[in-house]
C-alpha atoms as a PDB file:
ATOM      1  CA  MET A   1     110.155  75.619 -53.690  1.00  0.00           C
ATOM      2  CA  LEU A   2     110.069  73.051 -56.465  1.00  0.00           C
ATOM      3  CA  VAL A   3     113.426  71.471 -57.235  1.00  0.00           C
ATOM      4  CA  LEU A   4     113.604  70.048 -60.726  1.00  0.00           C
ATOM      5  CA  LEU A   5     114.990  66.521 -61.043  1.00  0.00           C
ATOM      6  CA  VAL A   6     117.157  65.285 -63.908  1.00  0.00           C
ATOM      7  CA  LEU A   7     115.288  63.087 -66.348  1.00  0.00           C
ATOM      8  CA  PHE A   8     117.157  60.270 -68.065  1.00  0.00           C
ATOM      9  CA  SER A   9     115.764  59.573 -71.512  1.00  0.00           C
ATOM     10  CA  CYS A  10     115.456  56.010 -72.772  1.00  0.00           C
ATOM     11  CA  ARG A  11     116.828  57.145 -76.115  1.00  0.00           C
ATOM     12  CA  SER A  12     118.554  60.414 -76.761  1.00  0.00           C
ATOM     13  CA  HIS A  13     116.888  60.950 -80.150  1.00  0.00           C
ATOM     14  CA  SER A  14     113.349  60.425 -78.866  1.00  0.00           C
ATOM     15  CA  THR A  15     111.095  63.073 -77.412  1.00  0.00           C
ATOM     16  CA  PRO A  16     109.836  61.527 -74.144  1.00  0.00           C
ATOM     17  CA  SER A  17     106.058  61.241 -73.924  1.00  0.00           C
ATOM     18  CA  LEU A  18     106.003  59.376 -70.592  1.00  0.00           C
ATOM     19  CA  ARG A  19     107.756  60.736 -67.527  1.00  0.00           C
ATOM     20  CA  ILE A  20     108.480  58.249 -64.745  1.00  0.00           C
ATOM     21  CA  ALA A  21     109.549  58.933 -61.172  1.00  0.00           C
ATOM     22  CA  ALA A  22     111.386  55.830 -59.916  1.00  0.00           C
ATOM     23  CA  ALA A  23     112.862  54.939 -56.551  1.00  0.00           C
ATOM     24  CA  ALA A  24     116.666  54.800 -56.559  1.00  0.00           C
ATOM     25  CA  ASN A  25     116.744  51.017 -56.096  1.00  0.00           C
ATOM     26  CA  MET A  26     115.256  50.788 -59.601  1.00  0.00           C
ATOM     27  CA  GLN A  27     118.321  52.443 -61.117  1.00  0.00           C
ATOM     28  CA  TYR A  28     119.151  49.567 -63.448  1.00  0.00           C
ATOM     29  CA  ALA A  29     115.817  47.780 -63.726  1.00  0.00           C
ATOM     30  CA  ILE A  30     113.921  50.885 -64.855  1.00  0.00           C
ATOM     31  CA  LYS A  31     116.251  51.334 -67.811  1.00  0.00           C
ATOM     32  CA  ALA A  32     115.617  47.770 -68.979  1.00  0.00           C
ATOM     33  CA  LEU A  33     111.876  48.079 -68.374  1.00  0.00           C
ATOM     34  CA  SER A  34     111.652  51.396 -70.216  1.00  0.00           C
ATOM     35  CA  LEU A  35     113.508  50.115 -73.251  1.00  0.00           C
ATOM     36  CA  ALA A  36     111.344  46.979 -73.386  1.00  0.00           C
ATOM     37  CA  PHE A  37     108.207  49.122 -73.089  1.00  0.00           C
ATOM     38  CA  GLU A  38     109.311  51.459 -75.865  1.00  0.00           C
ATOM     39  CA  LYS A  39     110.150  48.523 -78.112  1.00  0.00           C
ATOM     40  CA  LYS A  40     106.741  47.003 -77.462  1.00  0.00           C
ATOM     41  CA  THR A  41     104.609  50.156 -77.770  1.00  0.00           C
ATOM     42  CA  GLY A  42     106.717  52.741 -79.578  1.00  0.00           C
ATOM     43  CA  ILE A  43     106.164  55.143 -76.663  1.00  0.00           C
ATOM     44  CA  PRO A  44     109.417  56.893 -75.638  1.00  0.00           C
ATOM     45  CA  CYS A  45     109.934  57.752 -72.002  1.00  0.00           C
ATOM     46  CA  SER A  46     112.217  59.353 -69.456  1.00  0.00           C
ATOM     47  CA  TYR A  47     112.795  58.691 -65.776  1.00  0.00           C
ATOM     48  CA  ALA A  48     114.117  60.417 -62.668  1.00  0.00           C
ATOM     49  CA  LEU A  49     115.725  58.585 -59.761  1.00  0.00           C
ATOM     50  CA  ALA A  50     115.702  59.575 -56.082  1.00  0.00           C
ATOM     51  CA  SER A  51     114.536  58.266 -52.726  1.00  0.00           C
ATOM     52  CA  SER A  52     110.818  57.509 -52.581  1.00  0.00           C
ATOM     53  CA  GLY A  53     110.296  60.198 -49.951  1.00  0.00           C
ATOM     54  CA  LYS A  54     112.081  62.846 -51.989  1.00  0.00           C
ATOM     55  CA  LEU A  55     110.126  61.958 -55.125  1.00  0.00           C
ATOM     56  CA  THR A  56     106.865  62.095 -53.176  1.00  0.00           C
ATOM     57  CA  ALA A  57     107.733  65.598 -51.972  1.00  0.00           C
ATOM     58  CA  GLN A  58     108.480  66.666 -55.548  1.00  0.00           C
ATOM     59  CA  ILE A  59     105.216  65.188 -56.842  1.00  0.00           C
ATOM     60  CA  THR A  60     103.273  66.912 -54.077  1.00  0.00           C
ATOM     61  CA  GLU A  61     104.884  70.207 -55.091  1.00  0.00           C
ATOM     62  CA  GLY A  62     103.857  69.713 -58.714  1.00  0.00           C
ATOM     63  CA  ALA A  63     106.745  67.941 -60.431  1.00  0.00           C
ATOM     64  CA  PRO A  64     105.448  66.886 -63.887  1.00  0.00           C
ATOM     65  CA  PHE A  65     105.558  63.096 -63.639  1.00  0.00           C
ATOM     66  CA  ASP A  66     103.032  60.682 -65.131  1.00  0.00           C
ATOM     67  CA  LEU A  67     103.904  57.574 -63.115  1.00  0.00           C
ATOM     68  CA  PHE A  68     105.541  56.836 -59.763  1.00  0.00           C
ATOM     69  CA  LEU A  69     107.372  53.580 -58.991  1.00  0.00           C
ATOM     70  CA  SER A  70     108.010  53.677 -55.265  1.00  0.00           C
ATOM     71  CA  ALA A  71     110.154  51.420 -53.107  1.00  0.00           C
ATOM     72  CA  ASP A  72     107.223  50.910 -50.757  1.00  0.00           C
ATOM     73  CA  LEU A  73     103.455  51.394 -50.419  1.00  0.00           C
ATOM     74  CA  LYS A  74     103.544  54.177 -47.821  1.00  0.00           C
ATOM     75  CA  TYR A  75     104.442  57.006 -50.177  1.00  0.00           C
ATOM     76  CA  PRO A  76     102.156  56.139 -53.110  1.00  0.00           C
ATOM     77  CA  GLN A  77      99.352  55.512 -50.600  1.00  0.00           C
ATOM     78  CA  ALA A  78      99.891  59.027 -49.226  1.00  0.00           C
ATOM     79  CA  LEU A  79      99.630  60.461 -52.747  1.00  0.00           C
ATOM     80  CA  TYR A  80      96.454  58.466 -53.312  1.00  0.00           C
ATOM     81  CA  LYS A  81      94.904  59.796 -50.095  1.00  0.00           C
ATOM     82  CA  ALA A  82      95.852  63.317 -51.201  1.00  0.00           C
ATOM     83  CA  GLY A  83      93.898  62.804 -54.437  1.00  0.00           C
ATOM     84  CA  LEU A  84      96.986  62.989 -56.651  1.00  0.00           C
ATOM     85  CA  THR A  85      96.735  59.550 -58.286  1.00  0.00           C
ATOM     86  CA  ASN A  86      94.522  57.682 -60.712  1.00  0.00           C
ATOM     87  CA  GLY A  87      93.789  55.007 -58.108  1.00  0.00           C
ATOM     88  CA  PRO A  88      95.351  53.155 -55.158  1.00  0.00           C
ATOM     89  CA  PRO A  89      98.877  51.734 -55.454  1.00  0.00           C
ATOM     90  CA  LYS A  90      99.460  48.254 -56.791  1.00  0.00           C
ATOM     91  CA  ILE A  91     102.386  46.064 -55.724  1.00  0.00           C
ATOM     92  CA  TYR A  92     104.546  45.387 -58.770  1.00  0.00           C
ATOM     93  CA  ALA A  93     107.408  43.572 -57.000  1.00  0.00           C
ATOM     94  CA  TYR A  94     109.076  42.845 -53.657  1.00  0.00           C
ATOM     95  CA  GLY A  95     112.583  44.115 -52.993  1.00  0.00           C
ATOM     96  CA  GLU A  96     115.282  42.381 -50.996  1.00  0.00           C
ATOM     97  CA  LEU A  97     117.865  43.896 -48.667  1.00  0.00           C
ATOM     98  CA  ILE A  98     121.506  42.827 -48.853  1.00  0.00           C
ATOM     99  CA  LEU A  99     124.729  43.564 -46.993  1.00  0.00           C
ATOM    100  CA  TRP A 100     127.350  44.634 -49.488  1.00  0.00           C
ATOM    101  CA  THR A 101     131.099  45.311 -49.654  1.00  0.00           C
ATOM    102  CA  LYS A 102     133.864  45.985 -52.142  1.00  0.00           C
ATOM    103  CA  GLN A 103     136.646  45.314 -49.649  1.00  0.00           C
ATOM    104  CA  PRO A 104     138.560  42.038 -50.308  1.00  0.00           C
ATOM    105  CA  HIS A 105     139.283  41.331 -46.633  1.00  0.00           C
ATOM    106  CA  ILE A 106     135.813  42.034 -45.264  1.00  0.00           C
ATOM    107  CA  ARG A 107     132.956  39.540 -45.228  1.00  0.00           C
ATOM    108  CA  PRO A 108     129.421  40.758 -45.983  1.00  0.00           C
ATOM    109  CA  LYS A 109     128.085  39.262 -42.749  1.00  0.00           C
ATOM    110  CA  LEU A 110     126.153  40.896 -39.926  1.00  0.00           C
ATOM    111  CA  ASP A 111     128.711  39.917 -37.279  1.00  0.00           C
ATOM    112  CA  GLU A 112     131.365  41.690 -39.338  1.00  0.00           C
ATOM    113  CA  LEU A 113     129.650  45.014 -38.632  1.00  0.00           C
ATOM    114  CA  PHE A 114     130.964  44.924 -35.067  1.00  0.00           C
ATOM    115  CA  ARG A 115     134.626  44.407 -36.009  1.00  0.00           C
ATOM    116  CA  GLU A 116     137.105  47.233 -35.561  1.00  0.00           C
ATOM    117  CA  LYS A 117     138.258  47.114 -39.190  1.00  0.00           C
ATOM    118  CA  VAL A 118     134.749  48.143 -40.278  1.00  0.00           C
ATOM    119  CA  ARG A 119     134.865  51.879 -39.594  1.00  0.00           C
ATOM    120  CA  HIS A 120     131.842  53.025 -41.593  1.00  0.00           C
ATOM    121  CA  ILE A 121     128.526  51.325 -42.383  1.00  0.00           C
ATOM    122  CA  ALA A 122     126.333  52.923 -45.044  1.00  0.00           C
ATOM    123  CA  LEU A 123     122.555  52.915 -45.194  1.00  0.00           C
ATOM    124  CA  ALA A 124     119.953  55.125 -46.834  1.00  0.00           C
ATOM    125  CA  ASN A 125     118.062  57.715 -44.797  1.00  0.00           C
ATOM    126  CA  PRO A 126     115.337  55.709 -42.984  1.00  0.00           C
ATOM    127  CA  LYS A 127     113.048  58.760 -42.996  1.00  0.00           C
ATOM    128  CA  THR A 128     112.789  58.963 -46.799  1.00  0.00           C
ATOM    129  CA  ALA A 129     114.187  55.709 -48.237  1.00  0.00           C
ATOM    130  CA  PRO A 130     112.309  52.419 -47.639  1.00  0.00           C
ATOM    131  CA  TYR A 131     115.507  50.367 -47.941  1.00  0.00           C
ATOM    132  CA  GLY A 132     117.038  52.600 -45.296  1.00  0.00           C
ATOM    133  CA  LYS A 133     114.039  51.930 -43.075  1.00  0.00           C
ATOM    134  CA  ALA A 134     114.513  48.177 -43.590  1.00  0.00           C
ATOM    135  CA  ALA A 135     118.225  48.487 -42.746  1.00  0.00           C
ATOM    136  CA  ARG A 136     117.321  50.355 -39.563  1.00  0.00           C
ATOM    137  CA  GLU A 137     114.963  47.526 -38.569  1.00  0.00           C
ATOM    138  CA  VAL A 138     117.803  45.013 -39.012  1.00  0.00           C
ATOM    139  CA  LEU A 139     120.154  47.107 -36.892  1.00  0.00           C
ATOM    140  CA  GLU A 140     117.570  47.473 -34.125  1.00  0.00           C
ATOM    141  CA  LYS A 141     117.333  43.668 -33.892  1.00  0.00           C
ATOM    142  CA  ILE A 142     121.057  42.859 -33.935  1.00  0.00           C
ATOM    143  CA  ASP A 143     122.424  45.897 -32.089  1.00  0.00           C
ATOM    144  CA  THR A 144     120.224  46.352 -29.045  1.00  0.00           C
ATOM    145  CA  ALA A 145     123.017  48.202 -27.193  1.00  0.00           C
ATOM    146  CA  ASN A 146     123.365  50.653 -30.097  1.00  0.00           C
ATOM    147  CA  ARG A 147     127.106  49.970 -30.364  1.00  0.00           C
ATOM    148  CA  LEU A 148     127.134  50.545 -34.121  1.00  0.00           C
ATOM    149  CA  ALA A 149     125.705  54.077 -34.017  1.00  0.00           C
ATOM    150  CA  PRO A 150     129.119  55.846 -34.304  1.00  0.00           C
ATOM    151  CA  LYS A 151     129.876  53.881 -37.482  1.00  0.00           C
ATOM    152  CA  LEU A 152     126.707  54.688 -39.377  1.00  0.00           C
ATOM    153  CA  ILE A 153     126.746  57.046 -42.348  1.00  0.00           C
ATOM    154  CA  TYR A 154     123.577  57.932 -44.196  1.00  0.00           C
ATOM    155  CA  GLY A 155     122.924  58.473 -47.876  1.00  0.00           C
ATOM    156  CA  GLU A 156     119.973  60.398 -49.261  1.00  0.00           C
ATOM    157  CA  SER A 157     119.065  57.299 -51.256  1.00  0.00           C
ATOM    158  CA  ILE A 158     120.316  53.849 -52.198  1.00  0.00           C
ATOM    159  CA  SER A 159     122.316  55.482 -55.022  1.00  0.00           C
ATOM    160  CA  GLN A 160     124.403  57.461 -52.537  1.00  0.00           C
ATOM    161  CA  VAL A 161     124.869  54.387 -50.352  1.00  0.00           C
ATOM    162  CA  ASN A 162     126.212  52.561 -53.388  1.00  0.00           C
ATOM    163  CA  HIS A 163     128.635  55.415 -54.021  1.00  0.00           C
ATOM    164  CA  PHE A 164     129.912  55.135 -50.440  1.00  0.00           C
ATOM    165  CA  ILE A 165     130.602  51.434 -50.960  1.00  0.00           C
ATOM    166  CA  LEU A 166     132.154  51.658 -54.412  1.00  0.00           C
ATOM    167  CA  SER A 167     134.358  54.600 -53.419  1.00  0.00           C
ATOM    168  CA  GLY A 168     135.578  52.830 -50.288  1.00  0.00           C
ATOM    169  CA  ASN A 169     134.204  55.490 -47.931  1.00  0.00           C
ATOM    170  CA  ALA A 170     132.182  52.747 -46.214  1.00  0.00           C
ATOM    171  CA  GLN A 171     133.450  49.199 -45.690  1.00  0.00           C
ATOM    172  CA  LEU A 172     129.958  47.690 -45.546  1.00  0.00           C
ATOM    173  CA  GLY A 173     126.521  48.911 -46.537  1.00  0.00           C
ATOM    174  CA  PHE A 174     122.882  47.954 -46.753  1.00  0.00           C
ATOM    175  CA  THR A 175     121.490  48.197 -50.270  1.00  0.00           C
ATOM    176  CA  ALA A 176     118.937  46.724 -52.639  1.00  0.00           C
ATOM    177  CA  LYS A 177     119.657  43.328 -54.137  1.00  0.00           C
ATOM    178  CA  SER A 178     118.751  44.753 -57.551  1.00  0.00           C
ATOM    179  CA  ILE A 179     121.934  46.859 -57.573  1.00  0.00           C
ATOM    180  CA  ILE A 180     124.367  43.943 -57.714  1.00  0.00           C
ATOM    181  CA  TYR A 181     122.804  42.647 -60.939  1.00  0.00           C
ATOM    182  CA  ALA A 182     124.282  45.568 -62.879  1.00  0.00           C
ATOM    183  CA  PRO A 183     127.082  44.178 -65.118  1.00  0.00           C
ATOM    184  CA  GLU A 184     129.551  46.905 -64.131  1.00  0.00           C
ATOM    185  CA  ILE A 185     129.078  46.098 -60.429  1.00  0.00           C
ATOM    186  CA  LYS A 186     128.448  42.366 -60.255  1.00  0.00           C
ATOM    187  CA  GLN A 187     132.073  41.264 -60.654  1.00  0.00           C
ATOM    188  CA  GLN A 188     133.716  43.689 -58.220  1.00  0.00           C
ATOM    189  CA  THR A 189     131.722  43.240 -55.007  1.00  0.00           C
ATOM    190  CA  LYS A 190     130.603  40.665 -52.459  1.00  0.00           C
ATOM    191  CA  TRP A 191     127.169  40.492 -50.886  1.00  0.00           C
ATOM    192  CA  THR A 192     124.854  38.480 -48.665  1.00  0.00           C
ATOM    193  CA  ALA A 193     121.055  38.480 -48.784  1.00  0.00           C
ATOM    194  CA  LEU A 194     119.641  39.230 -45.348  1.00  0.00           C
ATOM    195  CA  ASP A 195     117.023  37.048 -43.701  1.00  0.00           C
ATOM    196  CA  ASP A 196     113.695  38.651 -44.574  1.00  0.00           C
ATOM    197  CA  SER A 197     112.449  37.944 -41.052  1.00  0.00           C
ATOM    198  CA  LEU A 198     114.712  40.801 -39.895  1.00  0.00           C
ATOM    199  CA  TYR A 199     112.751  43.511 -41.700  1.00  0.00           C
ATOM    200  CA  THR A 200     109.264  44.322 -42.918  1.00  0.00           C
ATOM    201  CA  PRO A 201     108.659  43.020 -46.480  1.00  0.00           C
ATOM    202  CA  ILE A 202     109.590  45.659 -49.036  1.00  0.00           C
ATOM    203  CA  ALA A 203     106.455  45.764 -51.177  1.00  0.00           C
ATOM    204  CA  GLN A 204     107.087  48.205 -54.020  1.00  0.00           C
ATOM    205  CA  GLY A 205     104.041  50.096 -55.296  1.00  0.00           C
ATOM    206  CA  VAL A 206     103.165  51.893 -58.514  1.00  0.00           C
ATOM    207  CA  VAL A 207     100.613  54.656 -59.091  1.00  0.00           C
ATOM    208  CA  VAL A 208      99.511  56.645 -62.126  1.00  0.00           C
ATOM    209  CA  LEU A 209      99.603  60.354 -61.313  1.00  0.00           C
ATOM    210  CA  LYS A 210      97.004  62.993 -62.068  1.00  0.00           C
ATOM    211  CA  GLY A 211      99.431  65.883 -62.244  1.00  0.00           C
ATOM    212  CA  SER A 212     100.256  65.527 -65.927  1.00  0.00           C
ATOM    213  CA  SER A 213      98.730  68.023 -68.366  1.00  0.00           C
ATOM    214  CA  LYS A 214      98.227  65.284 -70.945  1.00  0.00           C
ATOM    215  CA  PRO A 215      96.034  62.162 -70.856  1.00  0.00           C
ATOM    216  CA  SER A 216      97.320  59.278 -68.741  1.00  0.00           C
ATOM    217  CA  LYS A 217      96.845  56.678 -71.476  1.00  0.00           C
ATOM    218  CA  GLU A 218     100.596  56.067 -71.790  1.00  0.00           C
ATOM    219  CA  ALA A 219     101.000  55.852 -68.024  1.00  0.00           C
ATOM    220  CA  LEU A 220      98.198  53.318 -67.760  1.00  0.00           C
ATOM    221  CA  LEU A 221      99.848  51.264 -70.501  1.00  0.00           C
ATOM    222  CA  PHE A 222     103.165  51.280 -68.637  1.00  0.00           C
ATOM    223  CA  ARG A 223     101.485  50.345 -65.369  1.00  0.00           C
ATOM    224  CA  ASP A 224      99.781  47.400 -67.048  1.00  0.00           C
ATOM    225  CA  PHE A 225     103.067  46.465 -68.744  1.00  0.00           C
ATOM    226  CA  LEU A 226     104.715  46.163 -65.306  1.00  0.00           C
ATOM    227  CA  PHE A 227     102.467  43.196 -64.556  1.00  0.00           C
ATOM    228  CA  SER A 228     103.103  41.420 -67.856  1.00  0.00           C
ATOM    229  CA  THR A 229     105.157  38.238 -68.029  1.00  0.00           C
ATOM    230  CA  GLU A 230     107.906  40.125 -69.883  1.00  0.00           C
ATOM    231  CA  ALA A 231     108.236  42.891 -67.289  1.00  0.00           C
ATOM    232  CA  GLN A 232     108.004  40.529 -64.321  1.00  0.00           C
ATOM    233  CA  LYS A 233     110.818  38.466 -65.850  1.00  0.00           C
ATOM    234  CA  ILE A 234     112.945  41.606 -66.168  1.00  0.00           C
ATOM    235  CA  LEU A 235     112.272  42.453 -62.518  1.00  0.00           C
ATOM    236  CA  HIS A 236     113.150  38.902 -61.486  1.00  0.00           C
ATOM    237  CA  ASN A 237     116.415  39.131 -63.459  1.00  0.00           C
ATOM    238  CA  PHE A 238     117.290  42.246 -61.475  1.00  0.00           C
ATOM    239  CA  GLY A 239     116.809  40.548 -58.111  1.00  0.00           C
ATOM    240  CA  TYR A 240     113.187  41.398 -57.336  1.00  0.00           C
ATOM    241  CA  ARG A 241     110.625  38.904 -56.181  1.00  0.00           C
ATOM    242  CA  PRO A 242     107.642  39.060 -58.530  1.00  0.00           C
ATOM    243  CA  GLN A 243     104.318  40.247 -57.134  1.00  0.00           C
END
């Protein structure tokens, strides 16, 4: 059964003509990118946020999106192999994994995960969220005895992980570096970028989808815009490593 996702419009007075499915780690960057794109082209847009796996399932079931910005290459590659895209995925940026906390007396360090005062550690579902998969790879390297398993709590996506941290339900969590560049978050949390040798590089891929009933001209324009100097600067400003 198809579950409809909420679309966030770039501007409330505009009728969206481009519908974007974006991985949850793009929560803040996609808003800035969409507004810059609309200013440049006059094309209004909307976007839905969820884990890459959940969005892929929705697209496969017929959700009416024009473009998919995934947190990895696996999911857009699967859509391409299924004949649902306009071509193979292209890497538009590389994401970075961080350890994050809002607690004043807790350090965002890997050794802190083993301390008694850290009761809950949040990460996204490794089965559907690429950043959750990366977090799982880190844990497998530092916790070979699986001592941290009782502390782990899982979010459906990075967005839910962030809620766990900000609400205090988890003392530490693994999230995307892009999240801490949001003005409303930057000043109230502490974080540490994790050594990228601990996890597989998070190459984020974009594909234009065939499922739309209208021509994909706007989607192709947005895809090309992602690789422009302006868009790559926006991505860099939100903590992504340019492609």
